[in-house]
Structure formats: C-alpha cells, structure tokens
Amino acid sequence: MCLFLSSIFAPVRRSADDPSGDPLDALFCAIQTAWAWTMRSERYGAPEHLDPLEGWIADPSLREIQEPAGPASA
C-alpha cells in the first residue's frame, strides 16, 4: 500500500516544485472537470442564472453565487 501511495503522490510532489505551475494547473483542471462531470444532470454545476453561451469556471465554490439583484426599488 505504501508503494502504491508513493507512486500516486510522486508526480504531485514534482508538480509542486515546477516553477511554471503548469502541472498544478493541469491537476486542478482535472479535479474541476471530474466534479463538473458528476454534476452533468445539473448543468454541470453552473448556477441557473448564468448565460449558457458565456464561459464559466466549473468550481464547486462558485456554485454558491447569489442570484443577480433585480432593479433597485425607488
């Protein structure tokens, strides 16, 4: 089991040492993509009020976006 875990975490450790940050960006992208796929029956996790033609970062923390405020009452 220890060998298995070390083989999984070794690339992560190397990625953390890469000054470009590209491997970590790829890892985060893969995690967000996996989460969005689990939410595919719910617009891939996108909030209801978002325009489907606009880009959106699939991130669980952004799921809590408030509904846009309506016109100000006078």
N, C-alpha and C. Protein backbone atom coordinates (compact mmCIF):
# COMPACT_ATOMS: atom_id res chain seq x y z
N MET A 1 0.83 -1.19 0.00
CA MET A 1 0.00 0.00 0.00
C MET A 1 0.87 1.26 0.00
N CYS A 2 1.94 1.24 0.76
CA CYS A 2 2.82 2.40 0.84
C CYS A 2 3.44 2.70 -0.53
N LEU A 3 3.86 1.67 -1.25
CA LEU A 3 4.44 1.86 -2.58
C LEU A 3 3.39 2.45 -3.52
N PHE A 4 2.16 1.96 -3.42
CA PHE A 4 1.07 2.48 -4.25
C PHE A 4 0.86 3.97 -3.99
N LEU A 5 0.78 4.36 -2.74
CA LEU A 5 0.56 5.77 -2.41
C LEU A 5 1.74 6.64 -2.84
N SER A 6 2.96 6.13 -2.67
CA SER A 6 4.11 6.94 -3.08
C SER A 6 4.14 7.11 -4.59
N SER A 7 3.66 6.12 -5.34
CA SER A 7 3.63 6.26 -6.80
C SER A 7 2.56 7.25 -7.23
N ILE A 8 1.52 7.41 -6.44
CA ILE A 8 0.48 8.39 -6.76
C ILE A 8 0.96 9.80 -6.43
N PHE A 9 1.59 9.97 -5.27
CA PHE A 9 1.95 11.31 -4.82
C PHE A 9 3.27 11.83 -5.38
N ALA A 10 4.10 10.97 -5.94
CA ALA A 10 5.38 11.43 -6.50
C ALA A 10 5.17 12.48 -7.59
N PRO A 11 4.27 12.26 -8.57
CA PRO A 11 4.07 13.31 -9.58
C PRO A 11 3.54 14.61 -8.98
N VAL A 12 2.74 14.51 -7.95
CA VAL A 12 2.20 15.71 -7.30
C VAL A 12 3.34 16.49 -6.66
N ARG A 13 4.25 15.80 -6.00
CA ARG A 13 5.40 16.47 -5.39
C ARG A 13 6.26 17.15 -6.45
N ARG A 14 6.51 16.45 -7.55
CA ARG A 14 7.31 17.04 -8.64
C ARG A 14 6.58 18.25 -9.21
N SER A 15 5.27 18.16 -9.33
CA SER A 15 4.49 19.28 -9.87
C SER A 15 4.59 20.51 -8.99
N ALA A 16 4.61 20.29 -7.69
CA ALA A 16 4.71 21.42 -6.75
C ALA A 16 6.05 22.13 -6.87
N ASP A 17 7.06 21.42 -7.33
CA ASP A 17 8.39 22.03 -7.48
C ASP A 17 8.59 22.71 -8.83
N ASP A 18 7.65 22.54 -9.75
CA ASP A 18 7.78 23.13 -11.09
C ASP A 18 7.45 24.62 -11.01
N PRO A 19 8.41 25.50 -11.31
CA PRO A 19 8.16 26.94 -11.17
C PRO A 19 7.12 27.49 -12.15
N SER A 20 6.85 26.78 -13.24
CA SER A 20 5.87 27.29 -14.21
C SER A 20 4.45 27.13 -13.69
N GLY A 21 4.23 26.15 -12.83
CA GLY A 21 2.90 25.92 -12.30
C GLY A 21 1.99 25.16 -13.25
N ASP A 22 2.47 24.84 -14.45
CA ASP A 22 1.62 24.16 -15.44
C ASP A 22 1.11 22.80 -14.96
N PRO A 23 1.95 21.96 -14.36
CA PRO A 23 1.42 20.67 -13.89
C PRO A 23 0.33 20.83 -12.82
N LEU A 24 0.49 21.81 -11.93
CA LEU A 24 -0.55 22.03 -10.92
C LEU A 24 -1.82 22.56 -11.56
N ASP A 25 -1.69 23.44 -12.55
CA ASP A 25 -2.88 23.92 -13.27
C ASP A 25 -3.61 22.75 -13.91
N ALA A 26 -2.86 21.83 -14.51
CA ALA A 26 -3.48 20.66 -15.14
C ALA A 26 -4.18 19.78 -14.11
N LEU A 27 -3.57 19.62 -12.95
CA LEU A 27 -4.18 18.82 -11.89
C LEU A 27 -5.48 19.46 -11.42
N PHE A 28 -5.45 20.77 -11.16
CA PHE A 28 -6.67 21.45 -10.71
C PHE A 28 -7.75 21.40 -11.78
N CYS A 29 -7.37 21.53 -13.03
CA CYS A 29 -8.33 21.45 -14.13
C CYS A 29 -8.98 20.07 -14.16
N ALA A 30 -8.18 19.02 -13.97
CA ALA A 30 -8.72 17.66 -13.96
C ALA A 30 -9.69 17.46 -12.81
N ILE A 31 -9.38 18.01 -11.65
CA ILE A 31 -10.27 17.88 -10.50
C ILE A 31 -11.58 18.60 -10.76
N GLN A 32 -11.51 19.82 -11.29
CA GLN A 32 -12.73 20.58 -11.58
C GLN A 32 -13.55 19.91 -12.67
N THR A 33 -12.88 19.32 -13.65
CA THR A 33 -13.59 18.62 -14.72
C THR A 33 -14.32 17.40 -14.16
N ALA A 34 -13.66 16.66 -13.29
CA ALA A 34 -14.30 15.50 -12.68
C ALA A 34 -15.52 15.92 -11.87
N TRP A 35 -15.41 17.01 -11.12
CA TRP A 35 -16.55 17.49 -10.34
C TRP A 35 -17.70 17.89 -11.28
N ALA A 36 -17.38 18.64 -12.34
CA ALA A 36 -18.42 19.07 -13.28
C ALA A 36 -19.11 17.87 -13.91
N TRP A 37 -18.36 16.83 -14.21
CA TRP A 37 -18.96 15.63 -14.81
C TRP A 37 -19.95 14.99 -13.85
N THR A 38 -19.65 15.01 -12.56
CA THR A 38 -20.60 14.44 -11.59
C THR A 38 -21.86 15.30 -11.49
N MET A 39 -21.78 16.55 -11.94
CA MET A 39 -22.92 17.47 -11.88
C MET A 39 -23.59 17.63 -13.25
N ARG A 40 -23.32 16.71 -14.19
CA ARG A 40 -23.81 16.88 -15.56
C ARG A 40 -25.33 16.96 -15.65
N SER A 41 -26.04 16.33 -14.73
CA SER A 41 -27.50 16.41 -14.77
C SER A 41 -28.02 17.74 -14.23
N GLU A 42 -27.12 18.55 -13.67
CA GLU A 42 -27.49 19.86 -13.13
C GLU A 42 -26.68 20.96 -13.81
N ARG A 43 -26.70 20.98 -15.12
CA ARG A 43 -25.99 21.99 -15.92
C ARG A 43 -24.50 22.02 -15.61
N TYR A 44 -23.94 20.87 -15.30
CA TYR A 44 -22.51 20.74 -14.98
C TYR A 44 -22.10 21.64 -13.83
N GLY A 45 -23.03 21.93 -12.94
CA GLY A 45 -22.73 22.72 -11.76
C GLY A 45 -22.85 24.22 -11.94
N ALA A 46 -23.18 24.66 -13.15
CA ALA A 46 -23.31 26.10 -13.40
C ALA A 46 -24.58 26.63 -12.74
N PRO A 47 -24.51 27.78 -12.08
CA PRO A 47 -25.71 28.36 -11.49
C PRO A 47 -26.77 28.63 -12.57
N GLU A 48 -28.03 28.53 -12.20
CA GLU A 48 -29.15 28.67 -13.13
C GLU A 48 -29.17 30.00 -13.86
N HIS A 49 -28.76 31.09 -13.22
CA HIS A 49 -28.90 32.41 -13.83
C HIS A 49 -27.80 32.74 -14.84
N LEU A 50 -26.83 31.88 -15.01
CA LEU A 50 -25.74 32.18 -15.94
C LEU A 50 -26.17 31.91 -17.38
N ASP A 51 -25.68 32.74 -18.28
CA ASP A 51 -25.94 32.58 -19.71
C ASP A 51 -25.16 31.35 -20.19
N PRO A 52 -25.84 30.37 -20.80
CA PRO A 52 -25.14 29.16 -21.23
C PRO A 52 -24.12 29.40 -22.35
N LEU A 53 -24.18 30.55 -23.00
CA LEU A 53 -23.22 30.87 -24.06
C LEU A 53 -21.96 31.53 -23.52
N GLU A 54 -21.98 31.92 -22.26
CA GLU A 54 -20.82 32.54 -21.64
C GLU A 54 -19.95 31.46 -21.01
N GLY A 55 -18.67 31.74 -20.90
CA GLY A 55 -17.77 30.82 -20.24
C GLY A 55 -17.99 30.82 -18.74
N TRP A 56 -17.69 29.72 -18.10
CA TRP A 56 -17.85 29.61 -16.65
C TRP A 56 -16.81 28.63 -16.14
N ILE A 57 -16.18 28.97 -15.04
CA ILE A 57 -15.21 28.07 -14.42
C ILE A 57 -15.98 27.08 -13.56
N ALA A 58 -15.86 25.81 -13.90
CA ALA A 58 -16.57 24.76 -13.16
C ALA A 58 -15.87 24.53 -11.83
N ASP A 59 -16.40 25.13 -10.79
CA ASP A 59 -15.78 25.04 -9.48
C ASP A 59 -16.88 24.97 -8.43
N PRO A 60 -16.82 23.98 -7.55
CA PRO A 60 -17.87 23.86 -6.53
C PRO A 60 -18.02 25.10 -5.67
N SER A 61 -16.95 25.83 -5.42
CA SER A 61 -17.04 27.01 -4.56
C SER A 61 -17.82 28.13 -5.24
N LEU A 62 -17.89 28.12 -6.56
CA LEU A 62 -18.63 29.15 -7.28
C LEU A 62 -20.11 28.81 -7.40
N ARG A 63 -20.49 27.65 -6.95
CA ARG A 63 -21.89 27.21 -7.02
C ARG A 63 -22.77 28.06 -6.12
N GLU A 64 -22.18 28.67 -5.13
CA GLU A 64 -22.93 29.46 -4.16
C GLU A 64 -23.12 30.91 -4.58
N ILE A 65 -22.91 31.21 -5.85
CA ILE A 65 -23.08 32.58 -6.34
C ILE A 65 -24.52 33.01 -6.12
N GLN A 66 -24.67 34.20 -5.59
CA GLN A 66 -26.01 34.74 -5.35
C GLN A 66 -26.70 35.04 -6.67
N GLU A 67 -28.01 34.95 -6.66
CA GLU A 67 -28.79 35.37 -7.82
C GLU A 67 -28.55 36.85 -8.04
N PRO A 68 -28.51 37.29 -9.29
CA PRO A 68 -28.28 38.72 -9.53
C PRO A 68 -29.42 39.55 -8.95
N ALA A 69 -29.06 40.71 -8.45
CA ALA A 69 -30.06 41.61 -7.86
C ALA A 69 -30.93 42.19 -8.97
N GLY A 70 -32.20 42.34 -8.69
CA GLY A 70 -33.12 42.95 -9.65
C GLY A 70 -32.95 44.45 -9.66
N PRO A 71 -33.81 45.14 -10.42
CA PRO A 71 -33.73 46.61 -10.46
C PRO A 71 -33.93 47.19 -9.06
N ALA A 72 -33.22 48.26 -8.79
CA ALA A 72 -33.31 48.91 -7.48
C ALA A 72 -34.70 49.50 -7.30
N SER A 73 -35.25 49.33 -6.12
CA SER A 73 -36.56 49.92 -5.81
C SER A 73 -36.37 51.37 -5.44
N ALA A 74 -37.27 52.21 -5.92
CA ALA A 74 -37.17 53.64 -5.59
C ALA A 74 -38.11 53.98 -4.47
